[in-house]
């Protein structure tokens, strides 16, 4: 999570979420593996749900459908606030992210 401006991760992204009774998912914490293979855990300070806006390609170059859950999240990295976008595809149980 160092100096990269915007990239889509090829490695798996671990996400801890809260599943609400109404079916909503709230991302709470993410775990990302760096270039050296070490894991770093970040708590999500705040998020914004950008899901269900149709099929489009995001400004980050990620193709999403109306079924893709999209979250804009704020995390703290070495004392600096960073924005991370999380993309969840429920039919594939796959989390992706861009920075």
PDB file of N, CA and C in Angstrom:
ATOM      1  N   UNK A   1       0.831  -1.182   0.000  1.00  0.00           N
ATOM      2  CA  UNK A   1       0.000   0.000   0.000  1.00  0.00           C
ATOM      3  C   UNK A   1       0.869   1.236   0.000  1.00  0.00           C
ATOM      4  N   UNK A   2       2.040   1.112  -0.515  1.00  0.00           N
ATOM      5  CA  UNK A   2       2.986   2.208  -0.488  1.00  0.00           C
ATOM      6  C   UNK A   2       2.670   3.310  -1.469  1.00  0.00           C
ATOM      7  N   UNK A   3       3.420   3.370  -2.587  1.00  0.00           N
ATOM      8  CA  UNK A   3       3.335   4.505  -3.489  1.00  0.00           C
ATOM      9  C   UNK A   3       2.438   4.288  -4.697  1.00  0.00           C
ATOM     10  N   UNK A   4       1.807   3.110  -4.829  1.00  0.00           N
ATOM     11  CA  UNK A   4       0.977   2.902  -5.994  1.00  0.00           C
ATOM     12  C   UNK A   4      -0.218   3.853  -5.967  1.00  0.00           C
ATOM     13  N   UNK A   5      -0.515   4.425  -7.111  1.00  0.00           N
ATOM     14  CA  UNK A   5      -1.576   5.421  -7.200  1.00  0.00           C
ATOM     15  C   UNK A   5      -2.922   4.733  -7.348  1.00  0.00           C
ATOM     16  N   UNK A   6      -3.043   3.856  -8.323  1.00  0.00           N
ATOM     17  CA  UNK A   6      -4.312   3.184  -8.558  1.00  0.00           C
ATOM     18  C   UNK A   6      -4.021   1.870  -9.268  1.00  0.00           C
ATOM     19  N   UNK A   7      -4.354   0.775  -8.637  1.00  0.00           N
ATOM     20  CA  UNK A   7      -4.138  -0.509  -9.284  1.00  0.00           C
ATOM     21  C   UNK A   7      -5.187  -1.481  -8.788  1.00  0.00           C
ATOM     22  N   UNK A   8      -5.469  -2.468  -9.597  1.00  0.00           N
ATOM     23  CA  UNK A   8      -6.368  -3.517  -9.175  1.00  0.00           C
ATOM     24  C   UNK A   8      -5.512  -4.669  -8.678  1.00  0.00           C
ATOM     25  N   UNK A   9      -5.845  -5.188  -7.522  1.00  0.00           N
ATOM     26  CA  UNK A   9      -5.036  -6.236  -6.922  1.00  0.00           C
ATOM     27  C   UNK A   9      -5.295  -7.569  -7.604  1.00  0.00           C
ATOM     28  N   UNK A  10      -4.226  -8.297  -7.886  1.00  0.00           N
ATOM     29  CA  UNK A  10      -4.346  -9.643  -8.420  1.00  0.00           C
ATOM     30  C   UNK A  10      -4.478 -10.655  -7.281  1.00  0.00           C
ATOM     31  N   UNK A  11      -3.881 -10.352  -6.138  1.00  0.00           N
ATOM     32  CA  UNK A  11      -3.937 -11.265  -5.015  1.00  0.00           C
ATOM     33  C   UNK A  11      -5.295 -11.186  -4.322  1.00  0.00           C
ATOM     34  N   UNK A  12      -5.577 -12.176  -3.504  1.00  0.00           N
ATOM     35  CA  UNK A  12      -6.850 -12.212  -2.797  1.00  0.00           C
ATOM     36  C   UNK A  12      -6.907 -11.120  -1.747  1.00  0.00           C
ATOM     37  N   UNK A  13      -8.081 -10.619  -1.548  1.00  0.00           N
ATOM     38  CA  UNK A  13      -8.338  -9.585  -0.549  1.00  0.00           C
ATOM     39  C   UNK A  13      -9.261 -10.180   0.496  1.00  0.00           C
ATOM     40  N   UNK A  14      -8.847 -10.159   1.743  1.00  0.00           N
ATOM     41  CA  UNK A  14      -9.676 -10.634   2.838  1.00  0.00           C
ATOM     42  C   UNK A  14     -10.452  -9.458   3.399  1.00  0.00           C
ATOM     43  N   UNK A  15     -11.755  -9.647   3.607  1.00  0.00           N
ATOM     44  CA  UNK A  15     -12.619  -8.596   4.127  1.00  0.00           C
ATOM     45  C   UNK A  15     -13.450  -9.169   5.264  1.00  0.00           C
ATOM     46  N   UNK A  16     -13.455  -8.479   6.382  1.00  0.00           N
ATOM     47  CA  UNK A  16     -14.352  -8.817   7.480  1.00  0.00           C
ATOM     48  C   UNK A  16     -15.539  -7.869   7.375  1.00  0.00           C
ATOM     49  N   UNK A  17     -16.742  -8.451   7.370  1.00  0.00           N
ATOM     50  CA  UNK A  17     -17.957  -7.665   7.153  1.00  0.00           C
ATOM     51  C   UNK A  17     -18.988  -7.972   8.232  1.00  0.00           C
ATOM     52  N   UNK A  18     -19.927  -7.046   8.342  1.00  0.00           N
ATOM     53  CA  UNK A  18     -21.127  -7.283   9.130  1.00  0.00           C
ATOM     54  C   UNK A  18     -22.251  -7.522   8.135  1.00  0.00           C
ATOM     55  N   UNK A  19     -22.977  -8.602   8.327  1.00  0.00           N
ATOM     56  CA  UNK A  19     -24.134  -8.907   7.491  1.00  0.00           C
ATOM     57  C   UNK A  19     -25.384  -8.571   8.288  1.00  0.00           C
ATOM     58  N   UNK A  20     -26.115  -7.568   7.835  1.00  0.00           N
ATOM     59  CA  UNK A  20     -27.294  -7.112   8.549  1.00  0.00           C
ATOM     60  C   UNK A  20     -28.513  -7.967   8.198  1.00  0.00           C
ATOM     61  N   UNK A  21     -29.522  -7.912   9.031  1.00  0.00           N
ATOM     62  CA  UNK A  21     -30.719  -8.727   8.827  1.00  0.00           C
ATOM     63  C   UNK A  21     -31.464  -8.358   7.543  1.00  0.00           C
ATOM     64  N   UNK A  22     -31.292  -7.137   7.056  1.00  0.00           N
ATOM     65  CA  UNK A  22     -31.959  -6.731   5.817  1.00  0.00           C
ATOM     66  C   UNK A  22     -31.150  -7.095   4.566  1.00  0.00           C
ATOM     67  N   UNK A  23     -30.025  -7.797   4.741  1.00  0.00           N
ATOM     68  CA  UNK A  23     -29.201  -8.232   3.616  1.00  0.00           C
ATOM     69  C   UNK A  23     -28.058  -7.304   3.283  1.00  0.00           C
ATOM     70  N   UNK A  24     -28.020  -6.119   3.883  1.00  0.00           N
ATOM     71  CA  UNK A  24     -26.911  -5.195   3.637  1.00  0.00           C
ATOM     72  C   UNK A  24     -25.616  -5.757   4.204  1.00  0.00           C
ATOM     73  N   UNK A  25     -24.516  -5.425   3.546  1.00  0.00           N
ATOM     74  CA  UNK A  25     -23.182  -5.830   3.992  1.00  0.00           C
ATOM     75  C   UNK A  25     -22.398  -4.568   4.317  1.00  0.00           C
ATOM     76  N   UNK A  26     -21.782  -4.550   5.492  1.00  0.00           N
ATOM     77  CA  UNK A  26     -20.967  -3.419   5.916  1.00  0.00           C
ATOM     78  C   UNK A  26     -19.521  -3.891   6.055  1.00  0.00           C
ATOM     79  N   UNK A  27     -18.599  -3.374   5.239  1.00  0.00           N
ATOM     80  CA  UNK A  27     -17.192  -3.759   5.387  1.00  0.00           C
ATOM     81  C   UNK A  27     -16.590  -3.109   6.635  1.00  0.00           C
ATOM     82  N   UNK A  28     -15.903  -3.909   7.452  1.00  0.00           N
ATOM     83  CA  UNK A  28     -15.329  -3.416   8.704  1.00  0.00           C
ATOM     84  C   UNK A  28     -13.803  -3.364   8.684  1.00  0.00           C
ATOM     85  N   UNK A  29     -13.180  -4.367   8.074  1.00  0.00           N
ATOM     86  CA  UNK A  29     -11.718  -4.476   8.105  1.00  0.00           C
ATOM     87  C   UNK A  29     -11.258  -5.196   6.844  1.00  0.00           C
ATOM     88  N   UNK A  30     -10.090  -4.791   6.325  1.00  0.00           N
ATOM     89  CA  UNK A  30      -9.507  -5.466   5.167  1.00  0.00           C
ATOM     90  C   UNK A  30      -8.097  -5.935   5.504  1.00  0.00           C
ATOM     91  N   UNK A  31      -7.678  -6.982   4.814  1.00  0.00           N
ATOM     92  CA  UNK A  31      -6.315  -7.496   4.959  1.00  0.00           C
ATOM     93  C   UNK A  31      -5.731  -7.640   3.565  1.00  0.00           C
ATOM     94  N   UNK A  32      -4.626  -6.936   3.345  1.00  0.00           N
ATOM     95  CA  UNK A  32      -3.990  -6.876   2.032  1.00  0.00           C
ATOM     96  C   UNK A  32      -2.570  -7.400   2.142  1.00  0.00           C
ATOM     97  N   UNK A  33      -2.162  -8.191   1.154  1.00  0.00           N
ATOM     98  CA  UNK A  33      -0.791  -8.707   1.110  1.00  0.00           C
ATOM     99  C   UNK A  33       0.049  -7.759   0.274  1.00  0.00           C
ATOM    100  N   UNK A  34       1.209  -7.336   0.808  1.00  0.00           N
ATOM    101  CA  UNK A  34       2.077  -6.424   0.065  1.00  0.00           C
ATOM    102  C   UNK A  34       2.980  -7.203  -0.893  1.00  0.00           C
ATOM    103  N   UNK A  35       3.865  -6.484  -1.568  1.00  0.00           N
ATOM    104  CA  UNK A  35       4.750  -7.088  -2.571  1.00  0.00           C
ATOM    105  C   UNK A  35       5.687  -8.142  -1.964  1.00  0.00           C
ATOM    106  N   UNK A  36       5.987  -8.032  -0.668  1.00  0.00           N
ATOM    107  CA  UNK A  36       6.865  -8.981   0.004  1.00  0.00           C
ATOM    108  C   UNK A  36       6.114 -10.179   0.567  1.00  0.00           C
ATOM    109  N   UNK A  37       4.797 -10.229   0.366  1.00  0.00           N
ATOM    110  CA  UNK A  37       4.003 -11.338   0.864  1.00  0.00           C
ATOM    111  C   UNK A  37       3.524 -11.162   2.297  1.00  0.00           C
ATOM    112  N   UNK A  38       3.801 -10.011   2.890  1.00  0.00           N
ATOM    113  CA  UNK A  38       3.370  -9.752   4.261  1.00  0.00           C
ATOM    114  C   UNK A  38       1.953  -9.188   4.251  1.00  0.00           C
ATOM    115  N   UNK A  39       1.172  -9.609   5.244  1.00  0.00           N
ATOM    116  CA  UNK A  39      -0.195  -9.103   5.358  1.00  0.00           C
ATOM    117  C   UNK A  39      -0.232  -7.843   6.203  1.00  0.00           C
ATOM    118  N   UNK A  40      -1.091  -6.909   5.796  1.00  0.00           N
ATOM    119  CA  UNK A  40      -1.345  -5.691   6.555  1.00  0.00           C
ATOM    120  C   UNK A  40      -2.857  -5.578   6.742  1.00  0.00           C
ATOM    121  N   UNK A  41      -3.257  -5.298   7.974  1.00  0.00           N
ATOM    122  CA  UNK A  41      -4.673  -5.201   8.308  1.00  0.00           C
ATOM    123  C   UNK A  41      -5.031  -3.742   8.535  1.00  0.00           C
ATOM    124  N   UNK A  42      -6.164  -3.326   7.953  1.00  0.00           N
ATOM    125  CA  UNK A  42      -6.622  -1.948   8.080  1.00  0.00           C
ATOM    126  C   UNK A  42      -8.087  -1.942   8.481  1.00  0.00           C
ATOM    127  N   UNK A  43      -8.413  -1.146   9.482  1.00  0.00           N
ATOM    128  CA  UNK A  43      -9.807  -0.957   9.866  1.00  0.00           C
ATOM    129  C   UNK A  43     -10.411   0.117   8.976  1.00  0.00           C
ATOM    130  N   UNK A  44     -11.633  -0.098   8.569  1.00  0.00           N
ATOM    131  CA  UNK A  44     -12.337   0.875   7.744  1.00  0.00           C
ATOM    132  C   UNK A  44     -12.942   1.909   8.676  1.00  0.00           C
ATOM    133  N   UNK A  45     -12.510   3.142   8.523  1.00  0.00           N
ATOM    134  CA  UNK A  45     -12.949   4.243   9.391  1.00  0.00           C
ATOM    135  C   UNK A  45     -14.346   4.721   9.013  1.00  0.00           C
ATOM    136  N   UNK A  46     -14.607   4.794   7.715  1.00  0.00           N
ATOM    137  CA  UNK A  46     -15.928   5.163   7.208  1.00  0.00           C
ATOM    138  C   UNK A  46     -16.046   4.628   5.797  1.00  0.00           C
ATOM    139  N   UNK A  47     -17.277   4.477   5.336  1.00  0.00           N
ATOM    140  CA  UNK A  47     -17.498   3.953   3.992  1.00  0.00           C
ATOM    141  C   UNK A  47     -18.732   4.597   3.389  1.00  0.00           C
ATOM    142  N   UNK A  48     -18.802   4.486   2.074  1.00  0.00           N
ATOM    143  CA  UNK A  48     -19.973   4.947   1.327  1.00  0.00           C
ATOM    144  C   UNK A  48     -20.341   3.836   0.351  1.00  0.00           C
ATOM    145  N   UNK A  49     -21.597   3.417   0.367  1.00  0.00           N
ATOM    146  CA  UNK A  49     -22.077   2.356  -0.513  1.00  0.00           C
ATOM    147  C   UNK A  49     -22.418   2.969  -1.868  1.00  0.00           C
ATOM    148  N   UNK A  50     -21.726   2.516  -2.915  1.00  0.00           N
ATOM    149  CA  UNK A  50     -21.941   3.010  -4.276  1.00  0.00           C
ATOM    150  C   UNK A  50     -22.555   1.938  -5.169  1.00  0.00           C
ATOM    151  N   UNK A  51     -23.212   0.965  -4.564  1.00  0.00           N
ATOM    152  CA  UNK A  51     -23.755  -0.184  -5.288  1.00  0.00           C
ATOM    153  C   UNK A  51     -25.042   0.157  -6.028  1.00  0.00           C
ATOM    154  N   UNK A  52     -25.433  -0.755  -6.923  1.00  0.00           N
ATOM    155  CA  UNK A  52     -26.721  -0.738  -7.619  1.00  0.00           C
ATOM    156  C   UNK A  52     -26.926   0.521  -8.457  1.00  0.00           C
ATOM    157  N   UNK A  53     -25.904   0.877  -9.207  1.00  0.00           N
ATOM    158  CA  UNK A  53     -25.984   2.047 -10.095  1.00  0.00           C
ATOM    159  C   UNK A  53     -25.916   1.636 -11.562  1.00  0.00           C
ATOM    160  N   UNK A  54     -26.212   0.378 -11.827  1.00  0.00           N
ATOM    161  CA  UNK A  54     -26.207  -0.098 -13.208  1.00  0.00           C
ATOM    162  C   UNK A  54     -24.862  -0.688 -13.603  1.00  0.00           C
ATOM    163  N   UNK A  55     -24.712  -0.957 -14.896  1.00  0.00           N
ATOM    164  CA  UNK A  55     -23.487  -1.532 -15.448  1.00  0.00           C
ATOM    165  C   UNK A  55     -22.645  -0.416 -16.038  1.00  0.00           C
ATOM    166  N   UNK A  56     -21.371  -0.359 -15.617  1.00  0.00           N
ATOM    167  CA  UNK A  56     -20.478   0.698 -16.092  1.00  0.00           C
ATOM    168  C   UNK A  56     -19.035   0.329 -15.755  1.00  0.00           C
ATOM    169  N   UNK A  57     -18.101   1.097 -16.267  1.00  0.00           N
ATOM    170  CA  UNK A  57     -16.693   0.963 -15.911  1.00  0.00           C
ATOM    171  C   UNK A  57     -16.343   2.148 -15.027  1.00  0.00           C
ATOM    172  N   UNK A  58     -15.778   1.889 -13.874  1.00  0.00           N
ATOM    173  CA  UNK A  58     -15.451   2.950 -12.924  1.00  0.00           C
ATOM    174  C   UNK A  58     -14.269   3.780 -13.430  1.00  0.00           C
ATOM    175  N   UNK A  59     -14.024   4.897 -12.771  1.00  0.00           N
ATOM    176  CA  UNK A  59     -12.867   5.724 -13.094  1.00  0.00           C
ATOM    177  C   UNK A  59     -11.557   4.991 -12.858  1.00  0.00           C
ATOM    178  N   UNK A  60     -11.599   3.937 -12.029  1.00  0.00           N
ATOM    179  CA  UNK A  60     -10.424   3.109 -11.760  1.00  0.00           C
ATOM    180  C   UNK A  60     -10.237   2.027 -12.809  1.00  0.00           C
ATOM    181  N   UNK A  61     -11.180   1.937 -13.772  1.00  0.00           N
ATOM    182  CA  UNK A  61     -11.066   0.944 -14.832  1.00  0.00           C
ATOM    183  C   UNK A  61     -11.655  -0.406 -14.479  1.00  0.00           C
ATOM    184  N   UNK A  62     -12.494  -0.481 -13.450  1.00  0.00           N
ATOM    185  CA  UNK A  62     -13.106  -1.746 -13.035  1.00  0.00           C
ATOM    186  C   UNK A  62     -14.516  -1.810 -13.609  1.00  0.00           C
ATOM    187  N   UNK A  63     -14.818  -2.897 -14.328  1.00  0.00           N
ATOM    188  CA  UNK A  63     -16.150  -3.101 -14.873  1.00  0.00           C
ATOM    189  C   UNK A  63     -17.042  -3.665 -13.779  1.00  0.00           C
ATOM    190  N   UNK A  64     -18.173  -3.009 -13.522  1.00  0.00           N
ATOM    191  CA  UNK A  64     -19.113  -3.474 -12.505  1.00  0.00           C
ATOM    192  C   UNK A  64     -20.501  -3.596 -13.133  1.00  0.00           C
ATOM    193  N   UNK A  65     -21.295  -4.481 -12.560  1.00  0.00           N
ATOM    194  CA  UNK A  65     -22.682  -4.637 -12.972  1.00  0.00           C
ATOM    195  C   UNK A  65     -23.575  -4.169 -11.832  1.00  0.00           C
ATOM    196  N   UNK A  66     -24.863  -4.198 -12.049  1.00  0.00           N
ATOM    197  CA  UNK A  66     -25.805  -3.800 -11.010  1.00  0.00           C
ATOM    198  C   UNK A  66     -25.744  -4.747  -9.818  1.00  0.00           C
ATOM    199  N   UNK A  67     -25.198  -5.956 -10.012  1.00  0.00           N
ATOM    200  CA  UNK A  67     -25.077  -6.934  -8.928  1.00  0.00           C
ATOM    201  C   UNK A  67     -23.797  -6.776  -8.122  1.00  0.00           C
ATOM    202  N   UNK A  68     -22.846  -6.009  -8.622  1.00  0.00           N
ATOM    203  CA  UNK A  68     -21.578  -5.805  -7.920  1.00  0.00           C
ATOM    204  C   UNK A  68     -21.794  -4.835  -6.767  1.00  0.00           C
ATOM    205  N   UNK A  69     -21.325  -5.205  -5.590  1.00  0.00           N
ATOM    206  CA  UNK A  69     -21.371  -4.286  -4.455  1.00  0.00           C
ATOM    207  C   UNK A  69     -20.101  -3.446  -4.492  1.00  0.00           C
ATOM    208  N   UNK A  70     -20.255  -2.130  -4.405  1.00  0.00           N
ATOM    209  CA  UNK A  70     -19.136  -1.207  -4.508  1.00  0.00           C
ATOM    210  C   UNK A  70     -19.133  -0.320  -3.264  1.00  0.00           C
ATOM    211  N   UNK A  71     -17.976  -0.254  -2.610  1.00  0.00           N
ATOM    212  CA  UNK A  71     -17.832   0.562  -1.401  1.00  0.00           C
ATOM    213  C   UNK A  71     -16.612   1.462  -1.534  1.00  0.00           C
ATOM    214  N   UNK A  72     -16.800   2.726  -1.249  1.00  0.00           N
ATOM    215  CA  UNK A  72     -15.676   3.650  -1.152  1.00  0.00           C
ATOM    216  C   UNK A  72     -15.352   3.752   0.334  1.00  0.00           C
ATOM    217  N   UNK A  73     -14.148   3.327   0.709  1.00  0.00           N
ATOM    218  CA  UNK A  73     -13.781   3.213   2.117  1.00  0.00           C
ATOM    219  C   UNK A  73     -12.583   4.103   2.449  1.00  0.00           C
ATOM    220  N   UNK A  74     -12.556   4.571   3.669  1.00  0.00           N
ATOM    221  CA  UNK A  74     -11.428   5.346   4.166  1.00  0.00           C
ATOM    222  C   UNK A  74     -10.710   4.527   5.238  1.00  0.00           C
ATOM    223  N   UNK A  75      -9.408   4.358   5.039  1.00  0.00           N
ATOM    224  CA  UNK A  75      -8.561   3.650   5.993  1.00  0.00           C
ATOM    225  C   UNK A  75      -7.394   4.555   6.360  1.00  0.00           C
ATOM    226  N   UNK A  76      -6.714   4.213   7.434  1.00  0.00           N
ATOM    227  CA  UNK A  76      -5.541   4.978   7.838  1.00  0.00           C
ATOM    228  C   UNK A  76      -4.295   4.137   7.592  1.00  0.00           C
ATOM    229  N   UNK A  77      -3.345   4.706   6.840  1.00  0.00           N
ATOM    230  CA  UNK A  77      -2.098   4.029   6.520  1.00  0.00           C
ATOM    231  C   UNK A  77      -0.955   4.914   6.987  1.00  0.00           C
ATOM    232  N   UNK A  78      -0.242   4.471   8.011  1.00  0.00           N
ATOM    233  CA  UNK A  78       0.895   5.213   8.570  1.00  0.00           C
ATOM    234  C   UNK A  78       0.525   6.662   8.872  1.00  0.00           C
ATOM    235  N   UNK A  79      -0.645   6.851   9.488  1.00  0.00           N
ATOM    236  CA  UNK A  79      -1.074   8.175   9.910  1.00  0.00           C
ATOM    237  C   UNK A  79      -1.719   9.022   8.829  1.00  0.00           C
ATOM    238  N   UNK A  80      -1.845   8.481   7.618  1.00  0.00           N
ATOM    239  CA  UNK A  80      -2.449   9.213   6.503  1.00  0.00           C
ATOM    240  C   UNK A  80      -3.730   8.511   6.075  1.00  0.00           C
ATOM    241  N   UNK A  81      -4.786   9.289   5.852  1.00  0.00           N
ATOM    242  CA  UNK A  81      -6.037   8.708   5.397  1.00  0.00           C
ATOM    243  C   UNK A  81      -5.965   8.406   3.910  1.00  0.00           C
ATOM    244  N   UNK A  82      -6.342   7.177   3.534  1.00  0.00           N
ATOM    245  CA  UNK A  82      -6.357   6.733   2.141  1.00  0.00           C
ATOM    246  C   UNK A  82      -7.767   6.294   1.781  1.00  0.00           C
ATOM    247  N   UNK A  83      -8.108   6.455   0.507  1.00  0.00           N
ATOM    248  CA  UNK A  83      -9.383   5.972   0.000  1.00  0.00           C
ATOM    249  C   UNK A  83      -9.139   4.690  -0.777  1.00  0.00           C
ATOM    250  N   UNK A  84      -9.921   3.677  -0.462  1.00  0.00           N
ATOM    251  CA  UNK A  84      -9.854   2.381  -1.124  1.00  0.00           C
ATOM    252  C   UNK A  84     -11.254   2.066  -1.618  1.00  0.00           C
ATOM    253  N   UNK A  85     -11.366   1.584  -2.849  1.00  0.00           N
ATOM    254  CA  UNK A  85     -12.663   1.121  -3.338  1.00  0.00           C
ATOM    255  C   UNK A  85     -12.673  -0.399  -3.310  1.00  0.00           C
ATOM    256  N   UNK A  86     -13.707  -0.946  -2.688  1.00  0.00           N
ATOM    257  CA  UNK A  86     -13.893  -2.389  -2.616  1.00  0.00           C
ATOM    258  C   UNK A  86     -15.007  -2.792  -3.569  1.00  0.00           C
ATOM    259  N   UNK A  87     -14.798  -3.899  -4.257  1.00  0.00           N
ATOM    260  CA  UNK A  87     -15.766  -4.432  -5.201  1.00  0.00           C
ATOM    261  C   UNK A  87     -16.039  -5.878  -4.826  1.00  0.00           C
ATOM    262  N   UNK A  88     -17.299  -6.211  -4.578  1.00  0.00           N
ATOM    263  CA  UNK A  88     -17.663  -7.577  -4.205  1.00  0.00           C
ATOM    264  C   UNK A  88     -18.636  -8.140  -5.217  1.00  0.00           C
ATOM    265  N   UNK A  89     -18.290  -9.309  -5.756  1.00  0.00           N
ATOM    266  CA  UNK A  89     -19.149 -10.019  -6.692  1.00  0.00           C
ATOM    267  C   UNK A  89     -19.754 -11.213  -5.956  1.00  0.00           C
ATOM    268  N   UNK A  90     -21.001 -11.094  -5.486  1.00  0.00           N
ATOM    269  CA  UNK A  90     -21.603 -12.148  -4.663  1.00  0.00           C
ATOM    270  C   UNK A  90     -21.669 -13.511  -5.347  1.00  0.00           C
ATOM    271  N   UNK A  91     -21.936 -13.561  -6.642  1.00  0.00           N
ATOM    272  CA  UNK A  91     -22.057 -14.845  -7.334  1.00  0.00           C
ATOM    273  C   UNK A  91     -20.728 -15.582  -7.430  1.00  0.00           C
ATOM    274  N   UNK A  92     -19.611 -14.882  -7.262  1.00  0.00           N
ATOM    275  CA  UNK A  92     -18.281 -15.499  -7.304  1.00  0.00           C
ATOM    276  C   UNK A  92     -17.594 -15.477  -5.950  1.00  0.00           C
ATOM    277  N   UNK A  93     -18.228 -14.841  -4.946  1.00  0.00           N
ATOM    278  CA  UNK A  93     -17.617 -14.662  -3.620  1.00  0.00           C
ATOM    279  C   UNK A  93     -16.218 -14.073  -3.752  1.00  0.00           C
ATOM    280  N   UNK A  94     -16.104 -13.023  -4.557  1.00  0.00           N
ATOM    281  CA  UNK A  94     -14.806 -12.439  -4.878  1.00  0.00           C
ATOM    282  C   UNK A  94     -14.768 -10.968  -4.493  1.00  0.00           C
ATOM    283  N   UNK A  95     -13.771 -10.615  -3.686  1.00  0.00           N
ATOM    284  CA  UNK A  95     -13.494  -9.212  -3.330  1.00  0.00           C
ATOM    285  C   UNK A  95     -12.309  -8.736  -4.134  1.00  0.00           C
ATOM    286  N   UNK A  96     -12.401  -7.522  -4.696  1.00  0.00           N
ATOM    287  CA  UNK A  96     -11.296  -6.868  -5.375  1.00  0.00           C
ATOM    288  C   UNK A  96     -11.187  -5.449  -4.810  1.00  0.00           C
ATOM    289  N   UNK A  97     -10.071  -4.787  -5.097  1.00  0.00           N
ATOM    290  CA  UNK A  97      -9.935  -3.422  -4.614  1.00  0.00           C
ATOM    291  C   UNK A  97      -9.081  -2.583  -5.552  1.00  0.00           C
ATOM    292  N   UNK A  98      -9.273  -1.269  -5.458  1.00  0.00           N
ATOM    293  CA  UNK A  98      -8.394  -0.304  -6.109  1.00  0.00           C
ATOM    294  C   UNK A  98      -8.033   0.755  -5.086  1.00  0.00           C
ATOM    295  N   UNK A  99      -6.885   1.359  -5.306  1.00  0.00           N
ATOM    296  CA  UNK A  99      -6.398   2.404  -4.391  1.00  0.00           C
ATOM    297  C   UNK A  99      -6.340   3.689  -5.154  1.00  0.00           C
TER     298      UNK A  99
END
